Amino acid sequence: MTPWAPRRPCSAPGCPNLIDAQTPCPRHGKRSWEHDRPSPSERGYGAAWRAKRKQILLRDPICRVCSRAPSTMVDHLVPKSKGGDDRESNLRGVCKPCHDTKSAREGQAASMEARP
């Protein structure tokens, strides 16, 4: 983005501050989608994960769900949030549409479990 780009409103509801693309709101610090989210390395996706990911994508060049598209992502059969780990037996190569579908389904199930 150029330094002459117009400033835009902060994404926090009701915040009157105008911000540019490189500077977060001084009142809210990080952007709304960045709050309380650890970095990928802090979540266990550092150099060791990248090496394992490459290995899994070489092992599974075609999506293990639809068997039609090339694998571009690595999926945990049992999610890490449910006690899954990074063992090869818990990982499979999948295409982005299949990964997005599974992630959405898991996210919806998690939100249903969180309801009172």
PDB file of N, CA and C in Angstrom:
ATOM      1  N   MET A   1       0.846  -1.174   0.000  1.00  0.00           N
ATOM      2  CA  MET A   1       0.000   0.000   0.000  1.00  0.00           C
ATOM      3  C   MET A   1       0.892   1.239   0.000  1.00  0.00           C
ATOM      4  N   THR A   2       0.478   2.261  -0.681  1.00  0.00           N
ATOM      5  CA  THR A   2       1.286   3.467  -0.781  1.00  0.00           C
ATOM      6  C   THR A   2       1.096   4.333   0.453  1.00  0.00           C
ATOM      7  N   PRO A   3       2.073   5.194   0.742  1.00  0.00           N
ATOM      8  CA  PRO A   3       1.917   6.078   1.899  1.00  0.00           C
ATOM      9  C   PRO A   3       0.799   7.095   1.716  1.00  0.00           C
ATOM     10  N   TRP A   4       0.295   7.230   0.489  1.00  0.00           N
ATOM     11  CA  TRP A   4      -0.773   8.197   0.229  1.00  0.00           C
ATOM     12  C   TRP A   4      -2.156   7.566   0.265  1.00  0.00           C
ATOM     13  N   ALA A   5      -2.239   6.298   0.605  1.00  0.00           N
ATOM     14  CA  ALA A   5      -3.536   5.635   0.681  1.00  0.00           C
ATOM     15  C   ALA A   5      -4.370   6.297   1.768  1.00  0.00           C
ATOM     16  N   PRO A   6      -5.664   6.397   1.547  1.00  0.00           N
ATOM     17  CA  PRO A   6      -6.503   7.021   2.568  1.00  0.00           C
ATOM     18  C   PRO A   6      -6.567   6.175   3.832  1.00  0.00           C
ATOM     19  N   ARG A   7      -6.695   6.846   4.948  1.00  0.00           N
ATOM     20  CA  ARG A   7      -6.838   6.127   6.211  1.00  0.00           C
ATOM     21  C   ARG A   7      -8.259   5.593   6.290  1.00  0.00           C
ATOM     22  N   ARG A   8      -8.440   4.540   7.052  1.00  0.00           N
ATOM     23  CA  ARG A   8      -9.759   3.908   7.160  1.00  0.00           C
ATOM     24  C   ARG A   8     -10.122   3.775   8.639  1.00  0.00           C
ATOM     25  N   PRO A   9     -11.394   3.583   8.923  1.00  0.00           N
ATOM     26  CA  PRO A   9     -11.812   3.453  10.324  1.00  0.00           C
ATOM     27  C   PRO A   9     -11.257   2.175  10.959  1.00  0.00           C
ATOM     28  N   CYS A  10     -11.032   2.223  12.240  1.00  0.00           N
ATOM     29  CA  CYS A  10     -10.632   1.044  13.007  1.00  0.00           C
ATOM     30  C   CYS A  10     -11.759   0.015  12.899  1.00  0.00           C
ATOM     31  N   SER A  11     -11.391  -1.271  12.928  1.00  0.00           N
ATOM     32  CA  SER A  11     -12.404  -2.315  12.773  1.00  0.00           C
ATOM     33  C   SER A  11     -13.175  -2.609  14.059  1.00  0.00           C
ATOM     34  N   ALA A  12     -12.763  -2.035  15.183  1.00  0.00           N
ATOM     35  CA  ALA A  12     -13.486  -2.245  16.436  1.00  0.00           C
ATOM     36  C   ALA A  12     -14.808  -1.470  16.394  1.00  0.00           C
ATOM     37  N   PRO A  13     -15.910  -2.088  16.775  1.00  0.00           N
ATOM     38  CA  PRO A  13     -17.204  -1.407  16.722  1.00  0.00           C
ATOM     39  C   PRO A  13     -17.201  -0.130  17.561  1.00  0.00           C
ATOM     40  N   GLY A  14     -17.605   0.969  16.923  1.00  0.00           N
ATOM     41  CA  GLY A  14     -17.741   2.238  17.618  1.00  0.00           C
ATOM     42  C   GLY A  14     -16.458   3.017  17.808  1.00  0.00           C
ATOM     43  N   CYS A  15     -15.321   2.514  17.376  1.00  0.00           N
ATOM     44  CA  CYS A  15     -14.053   3.219  17.546  1.00  0.00           C
ATOM     45  C   CYS A  15     -13.962   4.344  16.520  1.00  0.00           C
ATOM     46  N   PRO A  16     -13.683   5.574  16.965  1.00  0.00           N
ATOM     47  CA  PRO A  16     -13.635   6.705  16.030  1.00  0.00           C
ATOM     48  C   PRO A  16     -12.276   6.876  15.351  1.00  0.00           C
ATOM     49  N   ASN A  17     -11.260   6.102  15.724  1.00  0.00           N
ATOM     50  CA  ASN A  17      -9.912   6.302  15.193  1.00  0.00           C
ATOM     51  C   ASN A  17      -9.809   5.903  13.729  1.00  0.00           C
ATOM     52  N   LEU A  18      -9.011   6.670  12.994  1.00  0.00           N
ATOM     53  CA  LEU A  18      -8.684   6.346  11.612  1.00  0.00           C
ATOM     54  C   LEU A  18      -7.272   5.778  11.600  1.00  0.00           C
ATOM     55  N   ILE A  19      -7.064   4.696  10.846  1.00  0.00           N
ATOM     56  CA  ILE A  19      -5.756   4.046  10.820  1.00  0.00           C
ATOM     57  C   ILE A  19      -5.313   3.825   9.386  1.00  0.00           C
ATOM     58  N   ASP A  20      -4.014   3.583   9.201  1.00  0.00           N
ATOM     59  CA  ASP A  20      -3.541   3.200   7.875  1.00  0.00           C
ATOM     60  C   ASP A  20      -3.217   1.710   7.906  1.00  0.00           C
ATOM     61  N   ALA A  21      -2.839   1.160   6.768  1.00  0.00           N
ATOM     62  CA  ALA A  21      -2.665  -0.285   6.647  1.00  0.00           C
ATOM     63  C   ALA A  21      -1.507  -0.821   7.480  1.00  0.00           C
ATOM     64  N   GLN A  22      -0.471  -0.021   7.716  1.00  0.00           N
ATOM     65  CA  GLN A  22       0.697  -0.508   8.442  1.00  0.00           C
ATOM     66  C   GLN A  22       0.606  -0.297   9.952  1.00  0.00           C
ATOM     67  N   THR A  23      -0.264   0.572  10.417  1.00  0.00           N
ATOM     68  CA  THR A  23      -0.323   0.924  11.833  1.00  0.00           C
ATOM     69  C   THR A  23      -1.654   0.505  12.444  1.00  0.00           C
ATOM     70  N   PRO A  24      -1.631  -0.369  13.450  1.00  0.00           N
ATOM     71  CA  PRO A  24      -2.889  -0.729  14.101  1.00  0.00           C
ATOM     72  C   PRO A  24      -3.419   0.426  14.942  1.00  0.00           C
ATOM     73  N   CYS A  25      -4.645   0.335  15.320  1.00  0.00           N
ATOM     74  CA  CYS A  25      -5.289   1.364  16.128  1.00  0.00           C
ATOM     75  C   CYS A  25      -4.541   1.529  17.457  1.00  0.00           C
ATOM     76  N   PRO A  26      -4.203   2.756  17.855  1.00  0.00           N
ATOM     77  CA  PRO A  26      -3.482   2.943  19.113  1.00  0.00           C
ATOM     78  C   PRO A  26      -4.319   2.545  20.336  1.00  0.00           C
ATOM     79  N   ARG A  27      -5.616   2.612  20.210  1.00  0.00           N
ATOM     80  CA  ARG A  27      -6.485   2.262  21.332  1.00  0.00           C
ATOM     81  C   ARG A  27      -6.649   0.748  21.481  1.00  0.00           C
ATOM     82  N   HIS A  28      -6.684   0.038  20.357  1.00  0.00           N
ATOM     83  CA  HIS A  28      -6.957  -1.392  20.399  1.00  0.00           C
ATOM     84  C   HIS A  28      -5.732  -2.259  20.140  1.00  0.00           C
ATOM     85  N   GLY A  29      -4.582  -1.645  19.873  1.00  0.00           N
ATOM     86  CA  GLY A  29      -3.357  -2.426  19.649  1.00  0.00           C
ATOM     87  C   GLY A  29      -3.443  -3.226  18.373  1.00  0.00           C
ATOM     88  N   LYS A  30      -3.469  -4.521  18.490  1.00  0.00           N
ATOM     89  CA  LYS A  30      -3.526  -5.381  17.308  1.00  0.00           C
ATOM     90  C   LYS A  30      -4.876  -5.253  16.621  1.00  0.00           C
ATOM     91  N   ARG A  31      -4.895  -5.671  15.389  1.00  0.00           N
ATOM     92  CA  ARG A  31      -6.160  -5.681  14.652  1.00  0.00           C
ATOM     93  C   ARG A  31      -7.094  -6.724  15.280  1.00  0.00           C
ATOM     94  N   SER A  32      -8.364  -6.617  15.036  1.00  0.00           N
ATOM     95  CA  SER A  32      -9.347  -7.451  15.724  1.00  0.00           C
ATOM     96  C   SER A  32      -9.095  -8.941  15.542  1.00  0.00           C
ATOM     97  N   TRP A  33      -8.599  -9.369  14.376  1.00  0.00           N
ATOM     98  CA  TRP A  33      -8.385 -10.794  14.136  1.00  0.00           C
ATOM     99  C   TRP A  33      -7.060 -11.295  14.708  1.00  0.00           C
ATOM    100  N   GLU A  34      -6.227 -10.405  15.261  1.00  0.00           N
ATOM    101  CA  GLU A  34      -4.929 -10.806  15.781  1.00  0.00           C
ATOM    102  C   GLU A  34      -4.914 -10.974  17.302  1.00  0.00           C
ATOM    103  N   HIS A  35      -5.931 -10.547  17.994  1.00  0.00           N
ATOM    104  CA  HIS A  35      -5.953 -10.601  19.453  1.00  0.00           C
ATOM    105  C   HIS A  35      -5.855 -12.022  19.974  1.00  0.00           C
ATOM    106  N   ASP A  36      -5.021 -12.208  20.964  1.00  0.00           N
ATOM    107  CA  ASP A  36      -4.914 -13.461  21.713  1.00  0.00           C
ATOM    108  C   ASP A  36      -4.600 -14.679  20.851  1.00  0.00           C
ATOM    109  N   ARG A  37      -4.039 -14.501  19.692  1.00  0.00           N
ATOM    110  CA  ARG A  37      -3.678 -15.645  18.868  1.00  0.00           C
ATOM    111  C   ARG A  37      -2.160 -15.760  18.847  1.00  0.00           C
ATOM    112  N   PRO A  38      -1.638 -16.862  19.368  1.00  0.00           N
ATOM    113  CA  PRO A  38      -0.184 -17.049  19.344  1.00  0.00           C
ATOM    114  C   PRO A  38       0.321 -17.185  17.910  1.00  0.00           C
ATOM    115  N   SER A  39       1.614 -16.975  17.746  1.00  0.00           N
ATOM    116  CA  SER A  39       2.214 -17.102  16.424  1.00  0.00           C
ATOM    117  C   SER A  39       2.173 -18.567  15.979  1.00  0.00           C
ATOM    118  N   PRO A  40       2.344 -18.820  14.681  1.00  0.00           N
ATOM    119  CA  PRO A  40       2.364 -20.217  14.219  1.00  0.00           C
ATOM    120  C   PRO A  40       3.414 -21.063  14.952  1.00  0.00           C
ATOM    121  N   SER A  41       4.597 -20.506  15.186  1.00  0.00           N
ATOM    122  CA  SER A  41       5.630 -21.265  15.903  1.00  0.00           C
ATOM    123  C   SER A  41       5.196 -21.589  17.328  1.00  0.00           C
ATOM    124  N   GLU A  42       4.546 -20.636  17.975  1.00  0.00           N
ATOM    125  CA  GLU A  42       4.070 -20.872  19.347  1.00  0.00           C
ATOM    126  C   GLU A  42       2.951 -21.916  19.385  1.00  0.00           C
ATOM    127  N   ARG A  43       2.221 -22.072  18.277  1.00  0.00           N
ATOM    128  CA  ARG A  43       1.154 -23.067  18.214  1.00  0.00           C
ATOM    129  C   ARG A  43       1.657 -24.429  17.744  1.00  0.00           C
ATOM    130  N   GLY A  44       2.980 -24.559  17.504  1.00  0.00           N
ATOM    131  CA  GLY A  44       3.543 -25.842  17.114  1.00  0.00           C
ATOM    132  C   GLY A  44       3.749 -26.017  15.628  1.00  0.00           C
ATOM    133  N   TYR A  45       3.773 -24.933  14.869  1.00  0.00           N
ATOM    134  CA  TYR A  45       3.943 -25.014  13.423  1.00  0.00           C
ATOM    135  C   TYR A  45       5.230 -24.323  12.984  1.00  0.00           C
ATOM    136  N   GLY A  46       6.345 -24.662  13.630  1.00  0.00           N
ATOM    137  CA  GLY A  46       7.652 -24.091  13.310  1.00  0.00           C
ATOM    138  C   GLY A  46       8.382 -24.901  12.255  1.00  0.00           C
ATOM    139  N   ALA A  47       9.714 -24.896  12.336  1.00  0.00           N
ATOM    140  CA  ALA A  47      10.556 -25.558  11.338  1.00  0.00           C
ATOM    141  C   ALA A  47      10.305 -27.062  11.287  1.00  0.00           C
ATOM    142  N   ALA A  48      10.135 -27.691  12.439  1.00  0.00           N
ATOM    143  CA  ALA A  48       9.890 -29.141  12.460  1.00  0.00           C
ATOM    144  C   ALA A  48       8.577 -29.462  11.742  1.00  0.00           C
ATOM    145  N   TRP A  49       7.548 -28.639  11.953  1.00  0.00           N
ATOM    146  CA  TRP A  49       6.272 -28.868  11.276  1.00  0.00           C
ATOM    147  C   TRP A  49       6.415 -28.695   9.770  1.00  0.00           C
ATOM    148  N   ARG A  50       7.131 -27.658   9.354  1.00  0.00           N
ATOM    149  CA  ARG A  50       7.283 -27.431   7.921  1.00  0.00           C
ATOM    150  C   ARG A  50       7.980 -28.611   7.240  1.00  0.00           C
ATOM    151  N   ALA A  51       8.967 -29.195   7.908  1.00  0.00           N
ATOM    152  CA  ALA A  51       9.645 -30.379   7.358  1.00  0.00           C
ATOM    153  C   ALA A  51       8.680 -31.566   7.291  1.00  0.00           C
ATOM    154  N   LYS A  52       7.884 -31.754   8.359  1.00  0.00           N
ATOM    155  CA  LYS A  52       6.903 -32.855   8.381  1.00  0.00           C
ATOM    156  C   LYS A  52       5.845 -32.639   7.301  1.00  0.00           C
ATOM    157  N   ARG A  53       5.398 -31.394   7.131  1.00  0.00           N
ATOM    158  CA  ARG A  53       4.396 -31.057   6.116  1.00  0.00           C
ATOM    159  C   ARG A  53       4.903 -31.422   4.727  1.00  0.00           C
ATOM    160  N   LYS A  54       6.142 -31.061   4.437  1.00  0.00           N
ATOM    161  CA  LYS A  54       6.728 -31.382   3.139  1.00  0.00           C
ATOM    162  C   LYS A  54       6.754 -32.897   2.914  1.00  0.00           C
ATOM    163  N   GLN A  55       7.107 -33.623   3.958  1.00  0.00           N
ATOM    164  CA  GLN A  55       7.162 -35.091   3.890  1.00  0.00           C
ATOM    165  C   GLN A  55       5.780 -35.682   3.591  1.00  0.00           C
ATOM    166  N   ILE A  56       4.749 -35.171   4.265  1.00  0.00           N
ATOM    167  CA  ILE A  56       3.386 -35.684   4.073  1.00  0.00           C
ATOM    168  C   ILE A  56       2.881 -35.355   2.669  1.00  0.00           C
ATOM    169  N   LEU A  57       3.168 -34.154   2.169  1.00  0.00           N
ATOM    170  CA  LEU A  57       2.716 -33.791   0.828  1.00  0.00           C
ATOM    171  C   LEU A  57       3.412 -34.627  -0.250  1.00  0.00           C
ATOM    172  N   LEU A  58       4.655 -35.028   0.011  1.00  0.00           N
ATOM    173  CA  LEU A  58       5.333 -35.935  -0.918  1.00  0.00           C
ATOM    174  C   LEU A  58       4.719 -37.333  -0.853  1.00  0.00           C
ATOM    175  N   ARG A  59       4.336 -37.758   0.345  1.00  0.00           N
ATOM    176  CA  ARG A  59       3.722 -39.076   0.528  1.00  0.00           C
ATOM    177  C   ARG A  59       2.334 -39.128  -0.100  1.00  0.00           C
ATOM    178  N   ASP A  60       1.566 -38.053   0.046  1.00  0.00           N
ATOM    179  CA  ASP A  60       0.180 -37.987  -0.445  1.00  0.00           C
ATOM    180  C   ASP A  60       0.052 -36.888  -1.505  1.00  0.00           C
ATOM    181  N   PRO A  61       0.479 -37.117  -2.737  1.00  0.00           N
ATOM    182  CA  PRO A  61       0.415 -36.054  -3.740  1.00  0.00           C
ATOM    183  C   PRO A  61      -1.014 -35.737  -4.204  1.00  0.00           C
ATOM    184  N   ILE A  62      -1.937 -36.681  -4.025  1.00  0.00           N
ATOM    185  CA  ILE A  62      -3.341 -36.471  -4.400  1.00  0.00           C
ATOM    186  C   ILE A  62      -4.175 -36.443  -3.122  1.00  0.00           C
ATOM    187  N   CYS A  63      -5.188 -35.581  -3.095  1.00  0.00           N
ATOM    188  CA  CYS A  63      -6.050 -35.418  -1.921  1.00  0.00           C
ATOM    189  C   CYS A  63      -6.583 -36.766  -1.445  1.00  0.00           C
ATOM    190  N   ARG A  64      -6.436 -37.026  -0.155  1.00  0.00           N
ATOM    191  CA  ARG A  64      -6.887 -38.294   0.406  1.00  0.00           C
ATOM    192  C   ARG A  64      -8.390 -38.297   0.673  1.00  0.00           C
ATOM    193  N   VAL A  65      -9.060 -37.169   0.501  1.00  0.00           N
ATOM    194  CA  VAL A  65     -10.509 -37.107   0.720  1.00  0.00           C
ATOM    195  C   VAL A  65     -11.253 -37.286  -0.594  1.00  0.00           C
ATOM    196  N   CYS A  66     -10.966 -36.433  -1.581  1.00  0.00           N
ATOM    197  CA  CYS A  66     -11.711 -36.494  -2.842  1.00  0.00           C
ATOM    198  C   CYS A  66     -11.001 -37.297  -3.930  1.00  0.00           C
ATOM    199  N   SER A  67      -9.727 -37.556  -3.780  1.00  0.00           N
ATOM    200  CA  SER A  67      -8.909 -38.315  -4.750  1.00  0.00           C
ATOM    201  C   SER A  67      -8.898 -37.704  -6.150  1.00  0.00           C
ATOM    202  N   ARG A  68      -9.134 -36.402  -6.260  1.00  0.00           N
ATOM    203  CA  ARG A  68      -9.159 -35.751  -7.575  1.00  0.00           C
ATOM    204  C   ARG A  68      -8.137 -34.633  -7.705  1.00  0.00           C
ATOM    205  N   ALA A  69      -7.943 -33.864  -6.648  1.00  0.00           N
ATOM    206  CA  ALA A  69      -7.103 -32.670  -6.721  1.00  0.00           C
ATOM    207  C   ALA A  69      -5.748 -32.924  -6.062  1.00  0.00           C
ATOM    208  N   PRO A  70      -4.738 -32.129  -6.427  1.00  0.00           N
ATOM    209  CA  PRO A  70      -3.440 -32.272  -5.769  1.00  0.00           C
ATOM    210  C   PRO A  70      -3.527 -31.839  -4.303  1.00  0.00           C
ATOM    211  N   SER A  71      -2.789 -32.495  -3.451  1.00  0.00           N
ATOM    212  CA  SER A  71      -2.738 -32.117  -2.033  1.00  0.00           C
ATOM    213  C   SER A  71      -1.910 -30.848  -1.893  1.00  0.00           C
ATOM    214  N   THR A  72      -2.462 -29.871  -1.233  1.00  0.00           N
ATOM    215  CA  THR A  72      -1.741 -28.625  -0.971  1.00  0.00           C
ATOM    216  C   THR A  72      -1.684 -28.325   0.518  1.00  0.00           C
ATOM    217  N   MET A  73      -2.429 -29.057   1.319  1.00  0.00           N
ATOM    218  CA  MET A  73      -2.483 -28.823   2.755  1.00  0.00           C
ATOM    219  C   MET A  73      -2.361 -30.150   3.486  1.00  0.00           C
ATOM    220  N   VAL A  74      -1.946 -30.069   4.756  1.00  0.00           N
ATOM    221  CA  VAL A  74      -1.849 -31.272   5.582  1.00  0.00           C
ATOM    222  C   VAL A  74      -2.915 -31.168   6.658  1.00  0.00           C
ATOM    223  N   ASP A  75      -3.702 -32.222   6.791  1.00  0.00           N
ATOM    224  CA  ASP A  75      -4.826 -32.256   7.724  1.00  0.00           C
ATOM    225  C   ASP A  75      -4.531 -33.228   8.859  1.00  0.00           C
ATOM    226  N   HIS A  76      -4.902 -32.829  10.076  1.00  0.00           N
ATOM    227  CA  HIS A  76      -4.839 -33.734  11.226  1.00  0.00           C
ATOM    228  C   HIS A  76      -6.151 -34.509  11.277  1.00  0.00           C
ATOM    229  N   LEU A  77      -6.089 -35.832  11.233  1.00  0.00           N
ATOM    230  CA  LEU A  77      -7.306 -36.641  11.340  1.00  0.00           C
ATOM    231  C   LEU A  77      -7.993 -36.360  12.672  1.00  0.00           C
ATOM    232  N   VAL A  78      -7.236 -36.422  13.758  1.00  0.00           N
ATOM    233  CA  VAL A  78      -7.724 -36.006  15.074  1.00  0.00           C
ATOM    234  C   VAL A  78      -7.108 -34.635  15.321  1.00  0.00           C
ATOM    235  N   PRO A  79      -7.917 -33.571  15.394  1.00  0.00           N
ATOM    236  CA  PRO A  79      -7.368 -32.221  15.549  1.00  0.00           C
ATOM    237  C   PRO A  79      -6.503 -32.098  16.807  1.00  0.00           C
ATOM    238  N   LYS A  80      -5.532 -31.204  16.741  1.00  0.00           N
ATOM    239  CA  LYS A  80      -4.668 -30.967  17.898  1.00  0.00           C
ATOM    240  C   LYS A  80      -5.492 -30.514  19.108  1.00  0.00           C
ATOM    241  N   SER A  81      -6.553 -29.776  18.852  1.00  0.00           N
ATOM    242  CA  SER A  81      -7.400 -29.289  19.945  1.00  0.00           C
ATOM    243  C   SER A  81      -8.146 -30.420  20.655  1.00  0.00           C
ATOM    244  N   LYS A  82      -8.249 -31.570  19.985  1.00  0.00           N
ATOM    245  CA  LYS A  82      -8.926 -32.739  20.565  1.00  0.00           C
ATOM    246  C   LYS A  82      -7.923 -33.802  21.012  1.00  0.00           C
ATOM    247  N   GLY A  83      -6.648 -33.422  21.127  1.00  0.00           N
ATOM    248  CA  GLY A  83      -5.632 -34.359  21.590  1.00  0.00           C
ATOM    249  C   GLY A  83      -4.834 -35.017  20.492  1.00  0.00           C
ATOM    250  N   GLY A  84      -5.049 -34.629  19.248  1.00  0.00           N
ATOM    251  CA  GLY A  84      -4.281 -35.186  18.141  1.00  0.00           C
ATOM    252  C   GLY A  84      -2.839 -34.713  18.189  1.00  0.00           C
ATOM    253  N   ASP A  85      -1.984 -35.397  17.475  1.00  0.00           N
ATOM    254  CA  ASP A  85      -0.571 -35.030  17.459  1.00  0.00           C
ATOM    255  C   ASP A  85      -0.070 -35.008  16.019  1.00  0.00           C
ATOM    256  N   ASP A  86       1.248 -34.842  15.872  1.00  0.00           N
ATOM    257  CA  ASP A  86       1.838 -34.724  14.554  1.00  0.00           C
ATOM    258  C   ASP A  86       2.458 -36.029  14.049  1.00  0.00           C
ATOM    259  N   ARG A  87       2.021 -37.166  14.569  1.00  0.00           N
ATOM    260  CA  ARG A  87       2.502 -38.439  14.044  1.00  0.00           C
ATOM    261  C   ARG A  87       1.982 -38.624  12.625  1.00  0.00           C
ATOM    262  N   GLU A  88       2.775 -39.321  11.805  1.00  0.00           N
ATOM    263  CA  GLU A  88       2.381 -39.531  10.408  1.00  0.00           C
ATOM    264  C   GLU A  88       1.035 -40.231  10.281  1.00  0.00           C
ATOM    265  N   SER A  89       0.715 -41.101  11.217  1.00  0.00           N
ATOM    266  CA  SER A  89      -0.561 -41.821  11.155  1.00  0.00           C
ATOM    267  C   SER A  89      -1.760 -40.902  11.396  1.00  0.00           C
ATOM    268  N   ASN A  90      -1.527 -39.704  11.940  1.00  0.00           N
ATOM    269  CA  ASN A  90      -2.600 -38.755  12.200  1.00  0.00           C
ATOM    270  C   ASN A  90      -2.643 -37.644  11.147  1.00  0.00           C
ATOM    271  N   LEU A  91      -1.797 -37.729  10.128  1.00  0.00           N
ATOM    272  CA  LEU A  91      -1.715 -36.676   9.119  1.00  0.00           C
ATOM    273  C   LEU A  91      -2.026 -37.232   7.738  1.00  0.00           C
ATOM    274  N   ARG A  92      -2.629 -36.384   6.900  1.00  0.00           N
ATOM    275  CA  ARG A  92      -2.896 -36.766   5.517  1.00  0.00           C
ATOM    276  C   ARG A  92      -2.859 -35.522   4.640  1.00  0.00           C
ATOM    277  N   GLY A  93      -2.490 -35.705   3.394  1.00  0.00           N
ATOM    278  CA  GLY A  93      -2.498 -34.611   2.435  1.00  0.00           C
ATOM    279  C   GLY A  93      -3.891 -34.430   1.861  1.00  0.00           C
ATOM    280  N   VAL A  94      -4.346 -33.179   1.807  1.00  0.00           N
ATOM    281  CA  VAL A  94      -5.674 -32.871   1.266  1.00  0.00           C
ATOM    282  C   VAL A  94      -5.601 -31.610   0.414  1.00  0.00           C
ATOM    283  N   CYS A  95      -6.588 -31.429  -0.447  1.00  0.00           N
ATOM    284  CA  CYS A  95      -6.684 -30.198  -1.234  1.00  0.00           C
ATOM    285  C   CYS A  95      -7.347 -29.114  -0.366  1.00  0.00           C
ATOM    286  N   LYS A  96      -7.206 -27.869  -0.773  1.00  0.00           N
ATOM    287  CA  LYS A  96      -7.740 -26.766   0.024  1.00  0.00           C
ATOM    288  C   LYS A  96      -9.259 -26.832   0.194  1.00  0.00           C
ATOM    289  N   PRO A  97     -10.044 -27.115  -0.855  1.00  0.00           N
ATOM    290  CA  PRO A  97     -11.497 -27.183  -0.647  1.00  0.00           C
ATOM    291  C   PRO A  97     -11.900 -28.248   0.387  1.00  0.00           C
ATOM    292  N   CYS A  98     -11.265 -29.419   0.335  1.00  0.00           N
ATOM    293  CA  CYS A  98     -11.594 -30.472   1.305  1.00  0.00           C
ATOM    294  C   CYS A  98     -11.160 -30.058   2.714  1.00  0.00           C
ATOM    295  N   HIS A  99     -10.005 -29.403   2.823  1.00  0.00           N
ATOM    296  CA  HIS A  99      -9.529 -28.948   4.137  1.00  0.00           C
ATOM    297  C   HIS A  99     -10.465 -27.882   4.701  1.00  0.00           C
ATOM    298  N   ASP A 100     -10.871 -26.942   3.856  1.00  0.00           N
ATOM    299  CA  ASP A 100     -11.772 -25.880   4.314  1.00  0.00           C
ATOM    300  C   ASP A 100     -13.110 -26.445   4.769  1.00  0.00           C
ATOM    301  N   THR A 101     -13.634 -27.444   4.041  1.00  0.00           N
ATOM    302  CA  THR A 101     -14.898 -28.066   4.413  1.00  0.00           C
ATOM    303  C   THR A 101     -14.783 -28.740   5.774  1.00  0.00           C
ATOM    304  N   LYS A 102     -13.714 -29.501   5.980  1.00  0.00           N
ATOM    305  CA  LYS A 102     -13.531 -30.201   7.252  1.00  0.00           C
ATOM    306  C   LYS A 102     -13.328 -29.199   8.391  1.00  0.00           C
ATOM    307  N   SER A 103     -12.535 -28.159   8.150  1.00  0.00           N
ATOM    308  CA  SER A 103     -12.282 -27.158   9.190  1.00  0.00           C
ATOM    309  C   SER A 103     -13.568 -26.430   9.582  1.00  0.00           C
ATOM    310  N   ALA A 104     -14.400 -26.113   8.596  1.00  0.00           N
ATOM    311  CA  ALA A 104     -15.668 -25.445   8.890  1.00  0.00           C
ATOM    312  C   ALA A 104     -16.579 -26.351   9.706  1.00  0.00           C
ATOM    313  N   ARG A 105     -16.608 -27.628   9.349  1.00  0.00           N
ATOM    314  CA  ARG A 105     -17.435 -28.586  10.081  1.00  0.00           C
ATOM    315  C   ARG A 105     -16.947 -28.716  11.526  1.00  0.00           C
ATOM    316  N   GLU A 106     -15.639 -28.780  11.726  1.00  0.00           N
ATOM    317  CA  GLU A 106     -15.084 -28.873  13.080  1.00  0.00           C
ATOM    318  C   GLU A 106     -15.337 -27.602  13.876  1.00  0.00           C
ATOM    319  N   GLY A 107     -15.225 -26.445  13.212  1.00  0.00           N
ATOM    320  CA  GLY A 107     -15.491 -25.184  13.891  1.00  0.00           C
ATOM    321  C   GLY A 107     -16.942 -25.059  14.316  1.00  0.00           C
ATOM    322  N   GLN A 108     -17.845 -25.519  13.469  1.00  0.00           N
ATOM    323  CA  GLN A 108     -19.261 -25.478  13.787  1.00  0.00           C
ATOM    324  C   GLN A 108     -19.561 -26.423  14.955  1.00  0.00           C
ATOM    325  N   ALA A 109     -18.944 -27.593  14.959  1.00  0.00           N
ATOM    326  CA  ALA A 109     -19.156 -28.539  16.053  1.00  0.00           C
ATOM    327  C   ALA A 109     -18.615 -27.972  17.357  1.00  0.00           C
ATOM    328  N   ALA A 110     -17.482 -27.300  17.303  1.00  0.00           N
ATOM    329  CA  ALA A 110     -16.905 -26.703  18.513  1.00  0.00           C
ATOM    330  C   ALA A 110     -17.804 -25.593  19.058  1.00  0.00           C
ATOM    331  N   SER A 111     -18.391 -24.797  18.169  1.00  0.00           N
ATOM    332  CA  SER A 111     -19.275 -23.735  18.655  1.00  0.00           C
ATOM    333  C   SER A 111     -20.569 -24.307  19.253  1.00  0.00           C
ATOM    334  N   MET A 112     -21.017 -25.439  18.718  1.00  0.00           N
ATOM    335  CA  MET A 112     -22.207 -26.096  19.289  1.00  0.00           C
ATOM    336  C   MET A 112     -21.899 -26.653  20.674  1.00  0.00           C
ATOM    337  N   GLU A 113     -20.687 -27.192  20.862  1.00  0.00           N
ATOM    338  CA  GLU A 113     -20.294 -27.737  22.165  1.00  0.00           C
ATOM    339  C   GLU A 113     -20.163 -26.632  23.203  1.00  0.00           C
ATOM    340  N   ALA A 114     -19.795 -25.423  22.749  1.00  0.00           N
ATOM    341  CA  ALA A 114     -19.583 -24.308  23.677  1.00  0.00           C
ATOM    342  C   ALA A 114     -20.890 -23.681  24.140  1.00  0.00           C
ATOM    343  N   ARG A 115     -21.973 -23.990  23.461  1.00  0.00           N
ATOM    344  CA  ARG A 115     -23.264 -23.409  23.847  1.00  0.00           C
ATOM    345  C   ARG A 115     -23.709 -23.967  25.201  1.00  0.00           C
ATOM    346  N   PRO A 116     -24.383 -23.113  25.987  1.00  0.00           N
ATOM    347  CA  PRO A 116     -24.875 -23.578  27.296  1.00  0.00           C
ATOM    348  C   PRO A 116     -26.040 -24.532  27.184  1.00  0.00           C
TER     349      PRO A 116
END
